[in-house]
Each structure stands twice: as C-alpha cells, then as structure tokens.
N, C-alpha and C. Protein backbone atom coordinates (compact mmCIF):
# COMPACT_ATOMS: atom_id res chain seq x y z
N UNK A 1 6.55 9.70 19.00
CA UNK A 1 7.48 10.44 18.20
C UNK A 1 8.13 11.51 19.07
N UNK A 2 9.42 11.67 18.91
CA UNK A 2 10.17 12.66 19.67
C UNK A 2 10.52 13.84 18.77
N UNK A 3 10.33 15.05 19.29
CA UNK A 3 10.65 16.28 18.57
C UNK A 3 11.75 17.00 19.34
N UNK A 4 12.83 17.32 18.66
CA UNK A 4 13.98 17.97 19.28
C UNK A 4 13.67 19.44 19.57
N UNK A 5 13.73 19.83 20.85
CA UNK A 5 13.49 21.21 21.26
C UNK A 5 14.75 21.88 21.79
N UNK A 6 15.92 21.31 21.51
CA UNK A 6 17.16 21.84 22.10
C UNK A 6 17.40 23.31 21.75
N UNK A 7 17.11 23.73 20.52
CA UNK A 7 17.30 25.14 20.17
C UNK A 7 16.38 26.05 20.98
N UNK A 8 15.11 25.67 21.12
CA UNK A 8 14.16 26.49 21.87
C UNK A 8 14.47 26.49 23.37
N UNK A 9 15.13 25.47 23.85
CA UNK A 9 15.47 25.40 25.27
C UNK A 9 16.79 26.09 25.60
N UNK A 10 17.66 26.26 24.63
CA UNK A 10 19.00 26.78 24.93
C UNK A 10 19.30 28.15 24.33
N UNK A 11 18.59 28.57 23.30
CA UNK A 11 18.88 29.84 22.65
C UNK A 11 17.84 30.90 23.03
N UNK A 12 18.29 31.95 23.69
CA UNK A 12 17.39 32.99 24.17
C UNK A 12 16.62 33.62 23.00
N UNK A 13 15.30 33.70 23.16
CA UNK A 13 14.44 34.30 22.15
C UNK A 13 14.13 33.41 20.95
N UNK A 14 14.62 32.19 20.92
CA UNK A 14 14.42 31.28 19.78
C UNK A 14 12.97 30.79 19.73
N UNK A 15 12.43 30.73 18.52
CA UNK A 15 11.09 30.21 18.29
C UNK A 15 11.17 29.11 17.24
N UNK A 16 10.55 27.97 17.53
CA UNK A 16 10.45 26.87 16.57
C UNK A 16 8.98 26.68 16.22
N UNK A 17 8.70 26.53 14.93
CA UNK A 17 7.34 26.22 14.49
C UNK A 17 7.41 24.95 13.66
N UNK A 18 6.60 23.97 14.06
CA UNK A 18 6.63 22.66 13.41
C UNK A 18 5.22 22.17 13.15
N UNK A 19 5.09 21.31 12.16
CA UNK A 19 3.87 20.54 11.94
C UNK A 19 4.27 19.08 12.06
N UNK A 20 3.62 18.38 12.98
CA UNK A 20 3.97 17.00 13.28
C UNK A 20 2.78 16.11 12.92
N UNK A 21 3.03 15.09 12.11
CA UNK A 21 1.98 14.12 11.77
C UNK A 21 1.76 13.18 12.95
N UNK A 22 0.52 12.99 13.33
CA UNK A 22 0.18 12.06 14.40
C UNK A 22 0.10 10.67 13.78
N UNK A 23 0.88 9.76 14.31
CA UNK A 23 0.97 8.41 13.74
C UNK A 23 -0.10 7.45 14.25
N UNK A 24 -0.64 7.71 15.42
CA UNK A 24 -1.60 6.78 16.04
C UNK A 24 -2.88 6.69 15.22
N UNK A 25 -3.44 5.48 15.15
CA UNK A 25 -4.72 5.25 14.49
C UNK A 25 -5.80 4.85 15.48
N UNK A 26 -5.43 4.76 16.75
CA UNK A 26 -6.37 4.33 17.78
C UNK A 26 -5.99 4.98 19.10
N UNK A 27 -6.99 5.31 19.88
CA UNK A 27 -6.80 5.85 21.21
C UNK A 27 -7.30 4.81 22.22
N UNK A 28 -6.48 4.50 23.19
CA UNK A 28 -6.88 3.58 24.25
C UNK A 28 -6.98 4.34 25.55
N UNK A 29 -8.17 4.37 26.12
CA UNK A 29 -8.41 5.05 27.39
C UNK A 29 -8.66 4.05 28.50
N UNK A 30 -9.04 4.55 29.64
CA UNK A 30 -9.29 3.69 30.80
C UNK A 30 -10.47 2.75 30.59
N UNK A 31 -11.47 3.18 29.82
CA UNK A 31 -12.69 2.40 29.68
C UNK A 31 -12.89 1.87 28.26
N UNK A 32 -11.81 1.66 27.55
CA UNK A 32 -11.91 1.13 26.20
C UNK A 32 -11.18 2.03 25.22
N UNK A 33 -11.38 1.73 23.96
CA UNK A 33 -10.66 2.47 22.93
C UNK A 33 -11.60 3.03 21.88
N UNK A 34 -11.02 3.84 21.01
CA UNK A 34 -11.76 4.42 19.90
C UNK A 34 -10.80 4.58 18.73
N UNK A 35 -11.29 4.24 17.53
CA UNK A 35 -10.48 4.40 16.32
C UNK A 35 -10.43 5.87 15.91
N UNK A 36 -9.28 6.32 15.48
CA UNK A 36 -9.13 7.67 14.96
C UNK A 36 -9.43 7.61 13.46
N UNK A 37 -10.47 8.31 13.03
CA UNK A 37 -10.88 8.26 11.63
C UNK A 37 -10.53 9.54 10.87
N UNK A 38 -10.11 10.57 11.59
CA UNK A 38 -9.70 11.82 10.96
C UNK A 38 -8.74 12.56 11.87
N UNK A 39 -7.73 13.18 11.27
CA UNK A 39 -6.76 13.92 12.08
C UNK A 39 -6.07 14.98 11.24
N UNK A 40 -5.78 16.08 11.90
CA UNK A 40 -4.97 17.12 11.28
C UNK A 40 -3.57 17.00 11.86
N UNK A 41 -2.57 17.54 11.19
CA UNK A 41 -1.24 17.54 11.80
C UNK A 41 -1.25 18.41 13.06
N UNK A 42 -0.39 18.07 13.99
CA UNK A 42 -0.22 18.86 15.19
C UNK A 42 0.60 20.10 14.84
N UNK A 43 0.01 21.27 15.01
CA UNK A 43 0.72 22.52 14.81
C UNK A 43 1.36 22.88 16.14
N UNK A 44 2.69 22.95 16.15
CA UNK A 44 3.44 23.09 17.39
C UNK A 44 4.35 24.31 17.31
N UNK A 45 4.32 25.13 18.37
CA UNK A 45 5.21 26.28 18.47
C UNK A 45 5.92 26.21 19.81
N UNK A 46 7.23 26.32 19.80
CA UNK A 46 8.04 26.33 21.03
C UNK A 46 8.82 27.63 21.07
N UNK A 47 8.67 28.39 22.16
CA UNK A 47 9.32 29.68 22.30
C UNK A 47 10.14 29.68 23.58
N UNK A 48 11.42 30.06 23.49
CA UNK A 48 12.28 30.15 24.66
C UNK A 48 11.75 31.24 25.58
N UNK A 49 11.58 30.89 26.88
CA UNK A 49 11.07 31.86 27.85
C UNK A 49 12.05 32.07 29.00
N UNK A 50 13.22 31.53 28.88
CA UNK A 50 14.23 31.70 29.92
C UNK A 50 15.25 30.58 29.84
N UNK A 51 16.17 30.59 30.77
CA UNK A 51 17.25 29.61 30.78
C UNK A 51 16.69 28.19 30.93
N UNK A 52 16.80 27.41 29.87
CA UNK A 52 16.39 26.02 29.90
C UNK A 52 14.90 25.78 29.86
N UNK A 53 14.10 26.78 29.54
CA UNK A 53 12.65 26.62 29.49
C UNK A 53 12.07 27.16 28.19
N UNK A 54 11.01 26.49 27.73
CA UNK A 54 10.31 26.94 26.52
C UNK A 54 8.81 26.75 26.72
N UNK A 55 8.05 27.71 26.21
CA UNK A 55 6.59 27.59 26.20
C UNK A 55 6.23 26.82 24.93
N UNK A 56 5.48 25.74 25.09
CA UNK A 56 5.09 24.90 23.96
C UNK A 56 3.57 25.02 23.79
N UNK A 57 3.16 25.50 22.61
CA UNK A 57 1.74 25.62 22.29
C UNK A 57 1.44 24.70 21.12
N UNK A 58 0.26 24.11 21.15
CA UNK A 58 -0.11 23.21 20.07
C UNK A 58 -1.60 23.21 19.80
N UNK A 59 -1.94 22.76 18.59
CA UNK A 59 -3.34 22.65 18.19
C UNK A 59 -3.48 21.50 17.19
N UNK A 60 -4.53 20.70 17.37
CA UNK A 60 -4.87 19.67 16.39
C UNK A 60 -6.33 19.32 16.53
N UNK A 61 -6.85 18.67 15.52
CA UNK A 61 -8.24 18.23 15.52
C UNK A 61 -8.24 16.73 15.23
N UNK A 62 -8.94 15.96 16.07
CA UNK A 62 -9.03 14.51 15.90
C UNK A 62 -10.50 14.10 15.88
N UNK A 63 -10.84 13.15 15.03
CA UNK A 63 -12.19 12.58 14.99
C UNK A 63 -12.08 11.09 15.25
N UNK A 64 -12.92 10.61 16.16
CA UNK A 64 -12.92 9.21 16.58
C UNK A 64 -14.27 8.58 16.29
N UNK A 65 -14.30 7.24 16.23
CA UNK A 65 -15.57 6.52 16.27
C UNK A 65 -15.66 5.89 17.65
N UNK A 66 -16.76 6.12 18.31
CA UNK A 66 -16.98 5.58 19.64
C UNK A 66 -18.42 5.09 19.72
N UNK A 67 -18.78 4.50 20.84
CA UNK A 67 -20.15 4.02 21.02
C UNK A 67 -20.95 5.03 21.81
N UNK A 68 -22.20 5.21 21.38
CA UNK A 68 -23.14 6.06 22.10
C UNK A 68 -23.35 5.45 23.48
N UNK A 69 -23.34 6.28 24.51
CA UNK A 69 -23.51 5.80 25.88
C UNK A 69 -24.93 5.34 26.18
N UNK A 70 -25.90 5.72 25.35
CA UNK A 70 -27.29 5.31 25.60
C UNK A 70 -27.74 4.12 24.76
N UNK A 71 -27.40 4.12 23.46
CA UNK A 71 -27.93 3.07 22.58
C UNK A 71 -26.84 2.15 22.01
N UNK A 72 -25.59 2.45 22.27
CA UNK A 72 -24.43 1.68 21.83
C UNK A 72 -24.18 1.72 20.33
N UNK A 73 -24.88 2.61 19.61
CA UNK A 73 -24.63 2.79 18.18
C UNK A 73 -23.31 3.54 18.00
N UNK A 74 -22.73 3.40 16.82
CA UNK A 74 -21.49 4.10 16.52
C UNK A 74 -21.77 5.60 16.44
N UNK A 75 -20.90 6.39 17.07
CA UNK A 75 -21.07 7.84 17.08
C UNK A 75 -19.72 8.51 16.87
N UNK A 76 -19.66 9.52 16.00
CA UNK A 76 -18.39 10.23 15.81
C UNK A 76 -18.15 11.20 16.97
N UNK A 77 -16.89 11.33 17.36
CA UNK A 77 -16.48 12.27 18.41
C UNK A 77 -15.34 13.11 17.82
N UNK A 78 -15.55 14.42 17.75
CA UNK A 78 -14.51 15.31 17.24
C UNK A 78 -13.98 16.16 18.39
N UNK A 79 -12.67 16.16 18.53
CA UNK A 79 -12.02 16.95 19.57
C UNK A 79 -11.12 18.00 18.92
N UNK A 80 -11.37 19.26 19.23
CA UNK A 80 -10.47 20.36 18.87
C UNK A 80 -9.58 20.55 20.09
N UNK A 81 -8.32 20.23 19.97
CA UNK A 81 -7.42 20.27 21.11
C UNK A 81 -6.41 21.39 20.94
N UNK A 82 -6.38 22.28 21.92
CA UNK A 82 -5.37 23.33 21.99
C UNK A 82 -4.76 23.26 23.38
N UNK A 83 -3.45 23.43 23.45
CA UNK A 83 -2.79 23.34 24.75
C UNK A 83 -1.60 24.27 24.81
N UNK A 84 -1.20 24.55 26.05
CA UNK A 84 0.00 25.33 26.32
C UNK A 84 0.69 24.68 27.51
N UNK A 85 1.94 24.31 27.33
CA UNK A 85 2.74 23.66 28.37
C UNK A 85 4.10 24.33 28.44
N UNK A 86 4.79 24.10 29.54
CA UNK A 86 6.17 24.56 29.68
C UNK A 86 7.07 23.35 29.61
N UNK A 87 8.06 23.41 28.74
CA UNK A 87 9.05 22.34 28.62
C UNK A 87 10.34 22.82 29.26
N UNK A 88 11.06 21.89 29.89
CA UNK A 88 12.31 22.25 30.56
C UNK A 88 13.43 21.33 30.13
N UNK A 89 14.61 21.90 30.03
CA UNK A 89 15.81 21.12 29.73
C UNK A 89 16.13 20.25 30.94
N UNK A 90 16.82 19.14 30.73
CA UNK A 90 17.10 18.24 31.85
C UNK A 90 17.95 18.87 32.96
N UNK A 91 18.75 19.86 32.63
CA UNK A 91 19.61 20.49 33.63
C UNK A 91 19.04 21.80 34.18
N UNK A 92 17.83 22.18 33.75
CA UNK A 92 17.21 23.43 34.21
C UNK A 92 16.58 23.24 35.58
N UNK A 93 16.53 24.32 36.33
CA UNK A 93 15.88 24.29 37.64
C UNK A 93 14.43 24.67 37.45
N UNK A 94 13.61 23.70 37.07
CA UNK A 94 12.19 23.94 36.82
C UNK A 94 11.39 22.89 37.58
N UNK A 95 10.10 23.13 37.67
CA UNK A 95 9.22 22.19 38.36
C UNK A 95 9.20 20.84 37.64
N UNK A 96 8.98 19.78 38.41
CA UNK A 96 8.97 18.42 37.85
C UNK A 96 7.87 18.24 36.82
N UNK A 97 6.73 18.93 36.98
CA UNK A 97 5.62 18.80 36.04
C UNK A 97 6.01 19.21 34.63
N UNK A 98 6.91 20.17 34.52
CA UNK A 98 7.28 20.65 33.19
C UNK A 98 8.09 19.62 32.42
N UNK A 99 8.62 18.62 33.09
CA UNK A 99 9.41 17.57 32.42
C UNK A 99 8.58 16.32 32.10
N UNK A 100 7.31 16.37 32.37
CA UNK A 100 6.43 15.22 32.22
C UNK A 100 6.48 14.61 30.82
N UNK A 101 6.64 15.42 29.77
CA UNK A 101 6.62 14.93 28.40
C UNK A 101 7.97 15.09 27.71
N UNK A 102 9.01 15.28 28.51
CA UNK A 102 10.34 15.49 27.96
C UNK A 102 11.23 14.27 28.18
N UNK A 103 12.04 13.98 27.19
CA UNK A 103 13.10 12.97 27.29
C UNK A 103 14.38 13.68 26.88
N UNK A 104 15.09 14.18 27.87
CA UNK A 104 16.26 14.99 27.59
C UNK A 104 15.81 16.31 26.99
N UNK A 105 16.28 16.61 25.78
CA UNK A 105 15.88 17.83 25.09
C UNK A 105 14.79 17.58 24.06
N UNK A 106 14.15 16.41 24.12
CA UNK A 106 13.14 16.05 23.13
C UNK A 106 11.77 15.94 23.77
N UNK A 107 10.78 16.45 23.04
CA UNK A 107 9.38 16.41 23.47
C UNK A 107 8.76 15.11 22.96
N UNK A 108 8.13 14.34 23.86
CA UNK A 108 7.43 13.11 23.49
C UNK A 108 6.02 13.49 23.05
N UNK A 109 5.84 13.68 21.74
CA UNK A 109 4.57 14.14 21.18
C UNK A 109 3.45 13.13 21.42
N UNK A 110 3.73 11.84 21.28
CA UNK A 110 2.69 10.82 21.48
C UNK A 110 2.13 10.87 22.90
N UNK A 111 2.99 10.98 23.90
CA UNK A 111 2.54 11.04 25.29
C UNK A 111 1.76 12.33 25.55
N UNK A 112 2.22 13.42 24.98
CA UNK A 112 1.54 14.71 25.15
C UNK A 112 0.14 14.67 24.55
N UNK A 113 0.02 14.15 23.32
CA UNK A 113 -1.29 14.06 22.66
C UNK A 113 -2.21 13.10 23.41
N UNK A 114 -1.69 11.97 23.87
CA UNK A 114 -2.49 11.01 24.64
C UNK A 114 -3.07 11.70 25.89
N UNK A 115 -2.24 12.47 26.58
CA UNK A 115 -2.68 13.18 27.77
C UNK A 115 -3.76 14.21 27.43
N UNK A 116 -3.58 14.93 26.34
CA UNK A 116 -4.55 15.95 25.95
C UNK A 116 -5.88 15.32 25.54
N UNK A 117 -5.84 14.15 24.90
CA UNK A 117 -7.09 13.45 24.56
C UNK A 117 -7.82 13.08 25.85
N UNK A 118 -7.10 12.53 26.81
CA UNK A 118 -7.71 12.16 28.09
C UNK A 118 -8.34 13.37 28.78
N UNK A 119 -7.67 14.50 28.75
CA UNK A 119 -8.19 15.71 29.39
C UNK A 119 -9.41 16.27 28.67
N UNK A 120 -9.50 16.06 27.36
CA UNK A 120 -10.58 16.64 26.56
C UNK A 120 -11.70 15.66 26.21
N UNK A 121 -11.56 14.39 26.59
CA UNK A 121 -12.56 13.38 26.22
C UNK A 121 -13.90 13.74 26.86
N UNK A 122 -15.00 13.66 26.10
CA UNK A 122 -16.31 14.03 26.65
C UNK A 122 -16.76 13.05 27.73
N UNK A 123 -17.49 13.57 28.69
CA UNK A 123 -18.02 12.75 29.78
C UNK A 123 -19.07 11.79 29.25
N UNK A 124 -19.91 12.25 28.34
CA UNK A 124 -20.96 11.42 27.76
C UNK A 124 -20.92 11.56 26.25
N UNK A 125 -20.96 10.42 25.57
CA UNK A 125 -20.98 10.39 24.10
C UNK A 125 -22.38 9.98 23.66
N UNK A 126 -22.99 10.79 22.83
CA UNK A 126 -24.33 10.49 22.32
C UNK A 126 -24.32 10.51 20.79
N UNK A 127 -25.07 9.58 20.19
CA UNK A 127 -25.16 9.54 18.73
C UNK A 127 -25.95 10.73 18.21
N UNK A 128 -26.89 11.18 19.01
CA UNK A 128 -27.64 12.40 18.74
C UNK A 128 -28.15 12.93 20.08
N UNK A 129 -28.42 14.21 20.13
CA UNK A 129 -28.76 14.84 21.40
C UNK A 129 -30.00 14.22 22.06
N UNK A 130 -30.97 13.80 21.26
CA UNK A 130 -32.20 13.24 21.83
C UNK A 130 -32.23 11.71 21.75
N UNK A 131 -31.08 11.07 21.85
CA UNK A 131 -31.01 9.60 21.80
C UNK A 131 -31.89 9.02 22.91
N UNK A 132 -32.69 8.04 22.54
CA UNK A 132 -33.63 7.44 23.50
C UNK A 132 -33.07 6.21 24.18
N UNK A 133 -31.94 5.69 23.72
CA UNK A 133 -31.30 4.56 24.38
C UNK A 133 -31.86 3.21 23.99
N UNK A 134 -31.75 2.25 24.91
CA UNK A 134 -32.15 0.87 24.69
C UNK A 134 -33.29 0.52 25.63
N UNK A 135 -34.26 -0.23 25.13
CA UNK A 135 -35.38 -0.67 25.95
C UNK A 135 -34.85 -1.61 27.04
N UNK A 136 -35.15 -1.34 28.31
CA UNK A 136 -34.66 -2.20 29.39
C UNK A 136 -35.32 -3.58 29.42
N UNK A 137 -36.45 -3.73 28.73
CA UNK A 137 -37.14 -5.03 28.73
C UNK A 137 -36.72 -5.93 27.58
N UNK A 138 -36.69 -5.36 26.37
CA UNK A 138 -36.42 -6.21 25.20
C UNK A 138 -35.05 -5.97 24.57
N UNK A 139 -34.37 -4.89 24.93
CA UNK A 139 -33.05 -4.61 24.38
C UNK A 139 -33.05 -3.95 23.02
N UNK A 140 -34.22 -3.52 22.54
CA UNK A 140 -34.30 -2.88 21.23
C UNK A 140 -33.82 -1.42 21.34
N UNK A 141 -33.15 -0.97 20.29
CA UNK A 141 -32.74 0.42 20.21
C UNK A 141 -34.00 1.26 20.04
N UNK A 142 -34.29 2.15 20.98
CA UNK A 142 -35.51 2.95 20.95
C UNK A 142 -35.49 4.08 19.93
N UNK A 143 -34.37 4.23 19.24
CA UNK A 143 -34.27 5.22 18.17
C UNK A 143 -34.77 4.65 16.85
N UNK A 144 -35.32 3.44 16.88
CA UNK A 144 -35.83 2.81 15.66
C UNK A 144 -34.85 1.81 15.07
N UNK A 145 -33.80 1.54 15.78
CA UNK A 145 -32.79 0.60 15.29
C UNK A 145 -33.23 -0.84 15.53
N UNK A 146 -32.36 -1.75 15.18
CA UNK A 146 -32.64 -3.18 15.33
C UNK A 146 -32.36 -3.63 16.74
N UNK A 147 -32.83 -4.82 17.06
CA UNK A 147 -32.54 -5.44 18.36
C UNK A 147 -31.07 -5.73 18.49
N UNK A 148 -30.57 -5.65 19.70
CA UNK A 148 -29.17 -5.96 19.96
C UNK A 148 -28.98 -7.43 20.23
C-alpha cells in the first residue's frame, strides 16, 4: 500500500497523522513464513524537517503463529514495532537510504513493515521458556506431547 507524503515533504512545518490498515495476512522471511493472527493499524506520523525531507514515525503490534525452535509446536509471537525513518522527496538532496521505502512522493508501507518485521523478528522462538524439545532417539515431544 502506498501512502502519499507529498504535503509532509513539500510544506514547511506540515504534520500528517494517519492510521493505515495492514493488509498482509502472512509474513514470509528467509527461513519460512508465519501467519499473522492479530494486528493493530499502523499509526503513522510524518513531520516536515526540511526541504524535501520528513521524519516518519510509526507504531503497530502484530501477532504471528510460528513453530517452536525446540519442539516444533505452534507458538504465538507478538511484536511491538516502533520505528523512526527519514523520507525524502525524489528531487531532494538526501542520502540514498532515506529513499529505500519511497516511490516518488509515496511511502511504500508494505515494504517498510516487512523490513521492520525482519529487524524485530526474535532469534529463537519458544512455545514456553522451559521447553524441553524433542527426544533425539524417538522423536517424542519431551513436553508431554505426542510423537512426531
């Protein structure tokens, strides 16, 4: 989804506040995917900070279903994502990184959220803190679950 930031990029002192619904129902990462089972709207604020530049701040909460890294049982993963980025107009003299999520004067919200999920994804997902995993001999879930 593209969000028009032309006012925040061109009008000095302009502030835009938006709530954007996240349309995705699944996240695909490098090592597989996870279904999105809960999401809040993306709260987005864009503030002009100079000629052709705007500070973009956002916050959202996403809940996924993923597999436990030890026992492979389904485990919920909740991410509270907050970010701050600089957006630049196509004709502004700004660093190339600031245009990473811009298409002209529009912010690519889907690409931005995908990037933030990747940056915030946990290194290890556990169904519970004391998960015992899978028996290396018989393959049984050592948490009392059934055989795999």
